Amino acid sequence: MMTERGEELVALHHDLLPLDRLDLGADGVLCRLTPYYTSVPTGGEIVLTATVRNPWPDKAVATLQPVVPPGWRCEQGSLTLRLPGGGMEQVHLRLVADVVPRRRVRLAVDLTIGDLRLGQHAEALVDVVPEGIR
């Protein structure tokens, strides 16, 4: 039964994804945020690096929209990258933390590459700690 369900899942992926035109790579991840897990003092600034990979063989424009929880600020709005075919680019996201300490705050990037809308495709976790504690 597990083999049959697995084969159904593979067939569904092939039906839904244009795999003949799209290179998702071995892990299917087209954007990563680093560091993935870190800490920042309350009200402090953090810089995350978003590394975006173009799955298309031709040049494409990627649009990244940082997604932050209430109380956080993003220094820039939507970002646009021009990616070479099959290539990668990086962009730095400057974020200002909430003034309330919290564990494992989720930060994300809403991503579109060309006409492929991926939604919140990448995330990072941040502990917001009282000033002086790291």
C-alpha atoms as a PDB file:
ATOM      1  CA  MET A   1       0.000   0.000   0.000  1.00  0.00           C
ATOM      2  CA  MET A   2       2.877   2.442   0.830  1.00  0.00           C
ATOM      3  CA  THR A   3       4.480   1.812  -2.559  1.00  0.00           C
ATOM      4  CA  GLU A   4       1.191   2.495  -4.331  1.00  0.00           C
ATOM      5  CA  ARG A   5       0.641   5.748  -2.375  1.00  0.00           C
ATOM      6  CA  GLY A   6       4.222   6.826  -3.119  1.00  0.00           C
ATOM      7  CA  GLU A   7       3.737   6.214  -6.836  1.00  0.00           C
ATOM      8  CA  GLU A   8       0.512   8.255  -6.718  1.00  0.00           C
ATOM      9  CA  LEU A   9       2.404  11.123  -5.100  1.00  0.00           C
ATOM     10  CA  VAL A  10       5.140  11.044  -7.751  1.00  0.00           C
ATOM     11  CA  ALA A  11       2.492  11.018 -10.503  1.00  0.00           C
ATOM     12  CA  LEU A  12       0.727  13.981  -8.885  1.00  0.00           C
ATOM     13  CA  HIS A  13       3.980  15.983  -8.766  1.00  0.00           C
ATOM     14  CA  HIS A  14       4.630  15.255 -12.444  1.00  0.00           C
ATOM     15  CA  ASP A  15       1.090  16.357 -13.307  1.00  0.00           C
ATOM     16  CA  LEU A  16       1.294  19.594 -11.312  1.00  0.00           C
ATOM     17  CA  LEU A  17       4.879  20.732 -11.923  1.00  0.00           C
ATOM     18  CA  PRO A  18       6.340  21.564 -15.337  1.00  0.00           C
ATOM     19  CA  LEU A  19       9.412  19.395 -14.638  1.00  0.00           C
ATOM     20  CA  ASP A  20      10.356  19.250 -18.316  1.00  0.00           C
ATOM     21  CA  ARG A  21      10.946  23.062 -18.230  1.00  0.00           C
ATOM     22  CA  LEU A  22      11.839  23.585 -14.585  1.00  0.00           C
ATOM     23  CA  ASP A  23      14.937  22.513 -12.620  1.00  0.00           C
ATOM     24  CA  LEU A  24      13.947  22.313  -8.953  1.00  0.00           C
ATOM     25  CA  GLY A  25      17.193  20.609  -7.976  1.00  0.00           C
ATOM     26  CA  ALA A  26      17.503  17.667  -5.623  1.00  0.00           C
ATOM     27  CA  ASP A  27      15.873  19.381  -2.647  1.00  0.00           C
ATOM     28  CA  GLY A  28      13.277  21.527  -4.454  1.00  0.00           C
ATOM     29  CA  VAL A  29      14.333  24.610  -2.459  1.00  0.00           C
ATOM     30  CA  LEU A  30      14.715  27.753  -4.553  1.00  0.00           C
ATOM     31  CA  CYS A  31      15.403  30.195  -1.705  1.00  0.00           C
ATOM     32  CA  ARG A  32      17.207  29.883   1.623  1.00  0.00           C
ATOM     33  CA  LEU A  33      17.479  32.351   4.469  1.00  0.00           C
ATOM     34  CA  THR A  34      20.682  32.342   6.506  1.00  0.00           C
ATOM     35  CA  PRO A  35      21.342  32.178   9.300  1.00  0.00           C
ATOM     36  CA  TYR A  36      18.429  29.804   9.759  1.00  0.00           C
ATOM     37  CA  TYR A  37      18.413  30.097  13.556  1.00  0.00           C
ATOM     38  CA  THR A  38      19.884  32.998  15.528  1.00  0.00           C
ATOM     39  CA  SER A  39      19.144  35.496  18.273  1.00  0.00           C
ATOM     40  CA  VAL A  40      18.838  39.268  18.427  1.00  0.00           C
ATOM     41  CA  PRO A  41      18.412  41.664  21.362  1.00  0.00           C
ATOM     42  CA  THR A  42      15.006  43.302  21.815  1.00  0.00           C
ATOM     43  CA  GLY A  43      14.679  46.192  19.360  1.00  0.00           C
ATOM     44  CA  GLY A  44      17.946  45.139  17.676  1.00  0.00           C
ATOM     45  CA  GLU A  45      18.714  44.759  14.000  1.00  0.00           C
ATOM     46  CA  ILE A  46      19.309  41.482  12.233  1.00  0.00           C
ATOM     47  CA  VAL A  47      20.565  40.919   8.693  1.00  0.00           C
ATOM     48  CA  LEU A  48      19.425  37.774   6.913  1.00  0.00           C
ATOM     49  CA  THR A  49      20.832  36.647   3.574  1.00  0.00           C
ATOM     50  CA  ALA A  50      18.351  35.324   1.025  1.00  0.00           C
ATOM     51  CA  THR A  51      19.954  33.106  -1.619  1.00  0.00           C
ATOM     52  CA  VAL A  52      17.623  32.647  -4.594  1.00  0.00           C
ATOM     53  CA  ARG A  53      18.085  30.087  -7.379  1.00  0.00           C
ATOM     54  CA  ASN A  54      16.477  30.429 -10.812  1.00  0.00           C
ATOM     55  CA  PRO A  55      14.915  27.094 -11.860  1.00  0.00           C
ATOM     56  CA  TRP A  56      14.319  28.303 -15.411  1.00  0.00           C
ATOM     57  CA  PRO A  57      16.889  27.868 -18.229  1.00  0.00           C
ATOM     58  CA  ASP A  58      16.381  31.525 -19.242  1.00  0.00           C
ATOM     59  CA  LYS A  59      16.838  34.799 -17.361  1.00  0.00           C
ATOM     60  CA  ALA A  60      14.083  35.544 -14.866  1.00  0.00           C
ATOM     61  CA  VAL A  61      13.066  38.257 -12.435  1.00  0.00           C
ATOM     62  CA  ALA A  62      12.583  37.186  -8.823  1.00  0.00           C
ATOM     63  CA  THR A  63      10.464  39.211  -6.416  1.00  0.00           C
ATOM     64  CA  LEU A  64      11.020  38.751  -2.693  1.00  0.00           C
ATOM     65  CA  GLN A  65       8.682  40.184  -0.088  1.00  0.00           C
ATOM     66  CA  PRO A  66       9.912  39.880   3.508  1.00  0.00           C
ATOM     67  CA  VAL A  67       7.191  38.648   5.870  1.00  0.00           C
ATOM     68  CA  VAL A  68       7.613  39.665   9.506  1.00  0.00           C
ATOM     69  CA  PRO A  69       5.341  39.340  12.552  1.00  0.00           C
ATOM     70  CA  PRO A  70       3.641  42.307  14.252  1.00  0.00           C
ATOM     71  CA  GLY A  71       6.113  44.472  16.160  1.00  0.00           C
ATOM     72  CA  TRP A  72       8.928  43.863  13.656  1.00  0.00           C
ATOM     73  CA  ARG A  73      10.075  46.330  10.969  1.00  0.00           C
ATOM     74  CA  CYS A  74      11.551  45.649   7.589  1.00  0.00           C
ATOM     75  CA  GLU A  75      13.963  48.313   6.335  1.00  0.00           C
ATOM     76  CA  GLN A  76      13.041  47.672   2.709  1.00  0.00           C
ATOM     77  CA  GLY A  77       9.857  46.513   1.023  1.00  0.00           C
ATOM     78  CA  SER A  78       9.666  44.200  -1.937  1.00  0.00           C
ATOM     79  CA  LEU A  79      13.022  43.367  -3.560  1.00  0.00           C
ATOM     80  CA  THR A  80      13.668  42.480  -7.183  1.00  0.00           C
ATOM     81  CA  LEU A  81      16.535  40.315  -8.445  1.00  0.00           C
ATOM     82  CA  ARG A  82      17.483  39.650 -12.057  1.00  0.00           C
ATOM     83  CA  LEU A  83      18.640  36.048 -12.189  1.00  0.00           C
ATOM     84  CA  PRO A  84      20.618  34.440 -15.020  1.00  0.00           C
ATOM     85  CA  GLY A  85      19.246  31.180 -16.410  1.00  0.00           C
ATOM     86  CA  GLY A  86      19.862  28.475 -13.791  1.00  0.00           C
ATOM     87  CA  GLY A  87      21.836  30.996 -11.732  1.00  0.00           C
ATOM     88  CA  MET A  88      21.786  32.241  -8.145  1.00  0.00           C
ATOM     89  CA  GLU A  89      21.886  35.641  -6.498  1.00  0.00           C
ATOM     90  CA  GLN A  90      21.930  36.863  -2.906  1.00  0.00           C
ATOM     91  CA  VAL A  91      20.272  39.799  -1.209  1.00  0.00           C
ATOM     92  CA  HIS A  92      20.542  41.026   2.373  1.00  0.00           C
ATOM     93  CA  LEU A  93      17.392  41.734   4.389  1.00  0.00           C
ATOM     94  CA  ARG A  94      17.652  44.237   7.251  1.00  0.00           C
ATOM     95  CA  LEU A  95      15.039  43.619   9.923  1.00  0.00           C
ATOM     96  CA  VAL A  96      14.409  45.283  13.278  1.00  0.00           C
ATOM     97  CA  ALA A  97      13.169  43.030  16.078  1.00  0.00           C
ATOM     98  CA  ASP A  98      10.186  43.560  18.325  1.00  0.00           C
ATOM     99  CA  VAL A  99      10.843  45.034  21.793  1.00  0.00           C
ATOM    100  CA  VAL A 100       9.151  42.041  23.451  1.00  0.00           C
ATOM    101  CA  PRO A 101      11.332  38.958  24.124  1.00  0.00           C
ATOM    102  CA  ARG A 102      10.072  35.839  22.304  1.00  0.00           C
ATOM    103  CA  ARG A 103      11.457  32.440  21.317  1.00  0.00           C
ATOM    104  CA  ARG A 104      11.574  31.099  17.787  1.00  0.00           C
ATOM    105  CA  VAL A 105       9.956  33.969  15.925  1.00  0.00           C
ATOM    106  CA  ARG A 106       9.330  32.933  12.330  1.00  0.00           C
ATOM    107  CA  LEU A 107      10.506  35.258   9.572  1.00  0.00           C
ATOM    108  CA  ALA A 108       9.782  34.421   5.948  1.00  0.00           C
ATOM    109  CA  VAL A 109      10.226  35.470   2.342  1.00  0.00           C
ATOM    110  CA  ASP A 110       7.306  35.400  -0.063  1.00  0.00           C
ATOM    111  CA  LEU A 111       8.884  34.499  -3.407  1.00  0.00           C
ATOM    112  CA  THR A 112       7.941  34.717  -7.076  1.00  0.00           C
ATOM    113  CA  ILE A 113      10.385  33.740  -9.846  1.00  0.00           C
ATOM    114  CA  GLY A 114       9.164  34.660 -13.311  1.00  0.00           C
ATOM    115  CA  ASP A 115       5.544  33.497 -13.407  1.00  0.00           C
ATOM    116  CA  LEU A 116       6.109  30.850 -10.708  1.00  0.00           C
ATOM    117  CA  ARG A 117       4.559  32.075  -7.446  1.00  0.00           C
ATOM    118  CA  LEU A 118       5.995  30.061  -4.556  1.00  0.00           C
ATOM    119  CA  GLY A 119       4.495  31.967  -1.623  1.00  0.00           C
ATOM    120  CA  GLN A 120       6.349  31.843   1.702  1.00  0.00           C
ATOM    121  CA  HIS A 121       9.068  29.562   0.401  1.00  0.00           C
ATOM    122  CA  ALA A 122      11.881  30.333   2.883  1.00  0.00           C
ATOM    123  CA  GLU A 123      11.930  30.872   6.640  1.00  0.00           C
ATOM    124  CA  ALA A 124      14.298  31.672   9.483  1.00  0.00           C
ATOM    125  CA  LEU A 125      13.836  31.389  13.245  1.00  0.00           C
ATOM    126  CA  VAL A 126      14.973  34.107  15.637  1.00  0.00           C
ATOM    127  CA  ASP A 127      15.018  34.303  19.417  1.00  0.00           C
ATOM    128  CA  VAL A 128      14.382  37.867  20.627  1.00  0.00           C
ATOM    129  CA  VAL A 129      16.252  38.143  23.932  1.00  0.00           C
ATOM    130  CA  PRO A 130      16.473  40.914  26.545  1.00  0.00           C
ATOM    131  CA  GLU A 131      19.308  43.405  25.972  1.00  0.00           C
ATOM    132  CA  GLY A 132      22.635  42.042  27.264  1.00  0.00           C
ATOM    133  CA  ILE A 133      21.665  38.342  26.975  1.00  0.00           C
ATOM    134  CA  ARG A 134      22.836  36.334  23.981  1.00  0.00           C
END
